[in-house]
Every structure is written in C-alpha cells, then in structure tokens.
Amino acid sequence: MLTPNKYLTLVESYIGISGLILECLGKQSLTVDKLWEKFSKRNINRINIKFPDYQKFIFSLDFMYMADMISYNCDGEVYNENLRNDN
C-alpha cells in the first residue's frame, strides 16, 4: 500500500495520496474534516483516478506525519511542515 507496484498505481499508494493531500493543503492550516472535504471535492471528479476512501486518507495522513511532511498545531489543524512560518 505504501509504494506503487504492478498491482497498485501511484495514485492508489500512500505516497501518491500524500502528494494530492499536500496539493490540497497548500499553505493553509486545516482540520482533518475540512481537509477531507476539500480533498474529496477536488479529486472526486478526476476521471481516471480510483478515489481513496476515508481510511486510506487517514493512513496517508499518518504516513505523512511520520515522514515529517505535515504536523498539527495546538488547535488540531494540519499544516505543511515544509512551509511553516517560524516567526
């Protein structure tokens, strides 16, 4: 599930879903629910993508957190770890 192979396309893997999540997140801080809404609205209309379910979305967030791609602020919002502002 983590990496694509001959049975699993890039978009169906956690790495591929992570890229789509980062694309939706951008420079914003969003709650998991709002991020899921934005993610599903943005990607459900793509024709040749097998849309991931909520469980795969959450597993992808876990993978991204462990890989230091995202983090959570004190309000429980997800933000892109690589674009944070350290003022």
Protein backbone atom coordinates (compact mmCIF):
# COMPACT_ATOMS: atom_id res chain seq x y z
CA MET A 1 0.00 0.00 0.00
CA LEU A 2 2.86 2.37 0.69
CA THR A 3 4.58 2.28 -2.68
CA PRO A 4 3.22 1.64 -6.15
CA ASN A 5 3.86 -1.69 -7.84
CA LYS A 6 2.42 -3.63 -10.77
CA TYR A 7 -0.86 -4.16 -8.90
CA LEU A 8 -1.13 -0.73 -7.27
CA THR A 9 -0.97 2.54 -9.20
CA LEU A 10 0.88 5.59 -7.91
CA VAL A 11 -2.36 7.42 -7.12
CA GLU A 12 -3.66 4.48 -5.08
CA SER A 13 -0.50 4.30 -2.94
CA TYR A 14 0.07 6.30 0.26
CA ILE A 15 2.86 8.21 -1.47
CA GLY A 16 0.56 9.24 -4.32
CA ILE A 17 -2.30 10.17 -2.00
CA SER A 18 0.16 12.20 0.09
CA GLY A 19 1.00 14.32 -2.93
CA LEU A 20 -2.68 15.01 -3.55
CA ILE A 21 -3.16 15.93 0.12
CA LEU A 22 -0.23 18.36 0.05
CA GLU A 23 -1.66 19.89 -3.11
CA CYS A 24 -4.98 20.48 -1.30
CA LEU A 25 -3.34 21.72 1.88
CA GLY A 26 -1.03 24.29 0.29
CA LYS A 27 -0.04 26.97 2.81
CA GLN A 28 -3.24 26.65 4.84
CA SER A 29 -3.86 25.08 8.23
CA LEU A 30 -6.99 22.93 8.11
CA THR A 31 -8.73 20.50 10.42
CA VAL A 32 -8.79 16.88 9.27
CA ASP A 33 -12.51 17.15 8.45
CA LYS A 34 -12.09 20.29 6.36
CA LEU A 35 -9.06 18.81 4.62
CA TRP A 36 -11.08 15.67 3.78
CA GLU A 37 -13.91 17.81 2.36
CA LYS A 38 -11.50 19.81 0.21
CA PHE A 39 -9.62 16.67 -0.84
CA SER A 40 -12.77 14.81 -1.82
CA LYS A 41 -14.29 17.75 -3.71
CA ARG A 42 -11.08 18.34 -5.61
CA ASN A 43 -10.30 14.74 -6.54
CA ILE A 44 -13.66 13.03 -6.92
CA ASN A 45 -14.16 14.48 -10.40
CA ARG A 46 -10.87 13.24 -11.81
CA ILE A 47 -11.81 10.68 -14.43
CA ASN A 48 -9.07 8.04 -14.26
CA ILE A 49 -8.39 8.08 -10.52
CA LYS A 50 -9.72 5.41 -8.18
CA PHE A 51 -10.82 7.69 -5.37
CA PRO A 52 -9.38 6.71 -1.95
CA ASP A 53 -11.75 6.11 0.94
CA TYR A 54 -11.54 7.90 4.29
CA GLN A 55 -9.50 5.10 5.88
CA LYS A 56 -6.80 5.35 3.21
CA PHE A 57 -6.87 9.15 3.62
CA ILE A 58 -6.23 8.81 7.37
CA PHE A 59 -3.46 6.23 6.83
CA SER A 60 -1.86 8.63 4.36
CA LEU A 61 -2.00 11.42 6.97
CA ASP A 62 -0.32 9.05 9.46
CA PHE A 63 2.39 8.26 6.91
CA MET A 64 2.89 11.97 6.20
CA TYR A 65 3.17 12.77 9.91
CA MET A 66 5.76 10.02 10.46
CA ALA A 67 7.72 11.28 7.44
CA ASP A 68 7.63 14.89 8.77
CA MET A 69 5.66 16.16 5.79
CA ILE A 70 2.85 17.52 7.97
CA SER A 71 2.33 18.45 11.57
CA TYR A 72 -0.53 19.53 13.82
CA ASN A 73 -0.82 22.87 15.62
CA CYS A 74 -2.33 23.39 19.09
CA ASP A 75 -5.81 23.78 17.55
CA GLY A 76 -5.58 20.34 15.96
CA GLU A 77 -5.17 21.71 12.45
CA VAL A 78 -2.92 20.05 9.89
CA TYR A 79 -0.25 22.17 8.20
CA ASN A 80 2.53 21.53 5.73
CA GLU A 81 5.71 21.10 7.77
CA ASN A 82 7.88 22.34 4.89
CA LEU A 83 6.01 25.65 4.54
CA ARG A 84 5.61 26.68 8.18
CA ASN A 85 6.46 30.19 9.36
CA ASP A 86 8.86 30.33 12.29
CA ASN A 87 8.44 33.99 13.28
